[in-house]
Protein backbone atom coordinates (compact mmCIF):
# COMPACT_ATOMS: atom_id res chain seq x y z
CA UNK A 1 -2.92 45.08 5.10
CA UNK A 2 0.42 45.24 3.41
CA UNK A 3 1.22 43.45 0.33
CA UNK A 4 3.65 41.06 1.64
CA UNK A 5 0.46 39.75 3.81
CA UNK A 6 -1.88 39.69 0.81
CA UNK A 7 0.78 37.50 -1.04
CA UNK A 8 1.00 35.16 2.08
CA UNK A 9 -2.79 34.89 2.53
CA UNK A 10 -3.54 34.16 -1.03
CA UNK A 11 -1.07 31.48 -0.62
CA UNK A 12 -2.47 30.28 2.32
CA UNK A 13 -5.89 29.64 0.45
CA UNK A 14 -4.26 28.33 -2.65
CA UNK A 15 -2.76 25.58 -0.13
CA UNK A 16 -5.64 24.86 1.58
CA UNK A 17 -6.25 20.99 1.05
CA UNK A 18 -2.95 20.01 -0.02
CA UNK A 19 -0.35 18.29 1.75
CA UNK A 20 2.64 19.91 0.33
CA UNK A 21 6.13 17.70 0.13
CA UNK A 22 6.14 14.23 1.35
CA UNK A 23 9.27 11.56 0.79
CA UNK A 24 8.04 10.15 -2.72
CA UNK A 25 8.00 13.82 -3.92
CA UNK A 26 11.44 14.82 -2.24
CA UNK A 27 12.56 11.66 -3.91
CA UNK A 28 11.56 12.73 -7.27
CA UNK A 29 13.23 16.30 -6.83
CA UNK A 30 16.29 14.62 -6.04
CA UNK A 31 16.06 12.20 -8.90
CA UNK A 32 15.47 14.92 -10.78
CA UNK A 33 18.16 16.94 -9.46
CA UNK A 34 20.59 13.85 -10.11
CA UNK A 35 19.83 13.60 -14.06
CA UNK A 36 20.39 16.89 -14.45
CA UNK A 37 23.36 17.28 -13.04
CA UNK A 38 24.31 13.53 -15.26
CA UNK A 39 23.05 15.16 -18.41
CA UNK A 40 25.00 18.10 -17.85
CA UNK A 41 28.21 15.97 -17.19
CA UNK A 42 27.59 13.61 -20.02
CA UNK A 43 25.55 15.97 -22.83
CA UNK A 44 22.91 12.98 -23.15
CA UNK A 45 19.32 14.88 -23.36
CA UNK A 46 17.65 12.38 -22.53
CA UNK A 47 18.72 12.54 -18.75
CA UNK A 48 17.71 16.35 -18.46
CA UNK A 49 14.19 15.32 -19.96
CA UNK A 50 13.70 12.62 -17.68
CA UNK A 51 14.77 14.86 -15.19
CA UNK A 52 12.09 17.09 -15.97
CA UNK A 53 9.39 14.64 -15.55
CA UNK A 54 10.55 13.79 -12.37
CA UNK A 55 10.45 17.83 -11.33
CA UNK A 56 7.38 18.22 -12.69
CA UNK A 57 5.45 14.97 -11.31
CA UNK A 58 6.93 16.09 -8.06
CA UNK A 59 5.77 19.44 -8.02
CA UNK A 60 2.06 17.88 -9.38
CA UNK A 61 2.17 15.55 -6.34
CA UNK A 62 2.99 18.73 -4.03
CA UNK A 63 -0.06 20.50 -5.22
CA UNK A 64 -2.33 17.95 -5.59
CA UNK A 65 -5.86 17.95 -3.61
CA UNK A 66 -6.58 14.43 -4.11
CA UNK A 67 -4.81 13.73 -0.84
CA UNK A 68 -5.64 9.80 -0.44
CA UNK A 69 -4.34 8.81 -3.76
CA UNK A 70 -1.51 10.31 -3.10
CA UNK A 71 -1.12 8.99 0.55
CA UNK A 72 -1.52 5.58 -0.83
CA UNK A 73 1.26 6.62 -3.45
CA UNK A 74 3.52 7.39 -0.80
CA UNK A 75 3.03 4.55 1.36
CA UNK A 76 3.76 2.27 -1.79
CA UNK A 77 7.19 4.15 -2.16
CA UNK A 78 8.09 3.80 1.52
CA UNK A 79 7.35 0.15 1.49
CA UNK A 80 9.48 -0.59 -1.46
CA UNK A 81 12.23 1.72 -0.31
CA UNK A 82 12.14 -0.19 3.21
CA UNK A 83 12.17 -3.57 1.03
CA UNK A 84 15.19 -2.32 -1.37
CA UNK A 85 16.92 -0.82 1.74
CA UNK A 86 16.50 -4.05 3.59
CA UNK A 87 17.77 -6.15 0.87
CA UNK A 88 20.99 -3.90 0.02
CA UNK A 89 22.08 -4.25 4.15
CA UNK A 90 21.46 -8.12 3.62
CA UNK A 91 23.73 -8.27 0.62
CA UNK A 92 26.37 -5.95 2.35
CA UNK A 93 26.23 -8.11 5.44
CA UNK A 94 26.53 -11.03 3.52
CA UNK A 95 29.90 -9.94 1.43
CA UNK A 96 31.43 -8.77 4.69
CA UNK A 97 30.74 -12.36 6.21
CA UNK A 98 31.79 -14.34 3.10
CA UNK A 99 34.98 -15.81 4.84
CA UNK A 100 33.36 -16.79 8.27
CA UNK A 101 29.97 -18.33 6.64
CA UNK A 102 28.50 -19.87 3.63
CA UNK A 103 25.00 -18.89 2.57
CA UNK A 104 22.48 -20.62 0.83
CA UNK A 105 18.78 -21.09 0.67
CA UNK A 106 16.44 -23.39 1.96
CA UNK A 107 15.27 -25.72 -0.80
CA UNK A 108 11.18 -25.63 0.17
CA UNK A 109 11.15 -22.28 1.42
CA UNK A 110 13.84 -20.67 0.01
CA UNK A 111 14.67 -18.70 3.32
CA UNK A 112 17.78 -17.58 3.51
CA UNK A 113 20.47 -19.69 5.88
CA UNK A 114 24.13 -19.67 6.66
CA UNK A 115 26.95 -21.94 7.89
CA UNK A 116 29.87 -21.50 9.67
CA UNK A 117 32.72 -22.43 7.01
CA UNK A 118 34.87 -25.57 7.27
CA UNK A 119 32.36 -27.83 9.40
CA UNK A 120 31.68 -30.09 6.46
CA UNK A 121 28.66 -31.86 5.63
CA UNK A 122 25.56 -31.44 8.15
CA UNK A 123 21.73 -31.81 8.59
CA UNK A 124 20.20 -29.00 8.60
CA UNK A 125 17.01 -27.85 9.90
CA UNK A 126 15.23 -24.96 8.51
CA UNK A 127 13.91 -22.40 11.21
CA UNK A 128 11.09 -21.24 8.89
CA UNK A 129 9.40 -24.32 7.53
CA UNK A 130 11.25 -27.26 9.68
CA UNK A 131 12.51 -28.91 6.34
CA UNK A 132 15.41 -31.10 7.38
CA UNK A 133 18.74 -31.32 4.31
CA UNK A 134 22.27 -31.86 3.72
CA UNK A 135 24.35 -29.21 2.99
CA UNK A 136 27.92 -29.21 2.77
CA UNK A 137 29.90 -26.03 4.39
């Protein structure tokens, strides 16, 4: 058995029971990289320190054997990430369509609704809670 084969086998044995990199670990690596670059540009040591913490936590997550807990953390991160991304997408769409539509919230359930501009005052029924109210567009 060659030296490289022995190293490969020992690494394989070390990684048994570990999951490696997931989405949260990769996001932490990217955050650490961005903060390290930002600290070198701005010369603020706090960015570098927070970047190192992100690197350390990412490596800890990759080598952890507590798979269930890391999986739960990753699922929580993915749900928060998707909610944040959809909120940003909705905001961008509202800004793009600001000239065509007026956006507002239902007073009962706070669902986001829209009306075409220049239709005057109309009675609206919310599609979510079926509450009727007047709104001017």
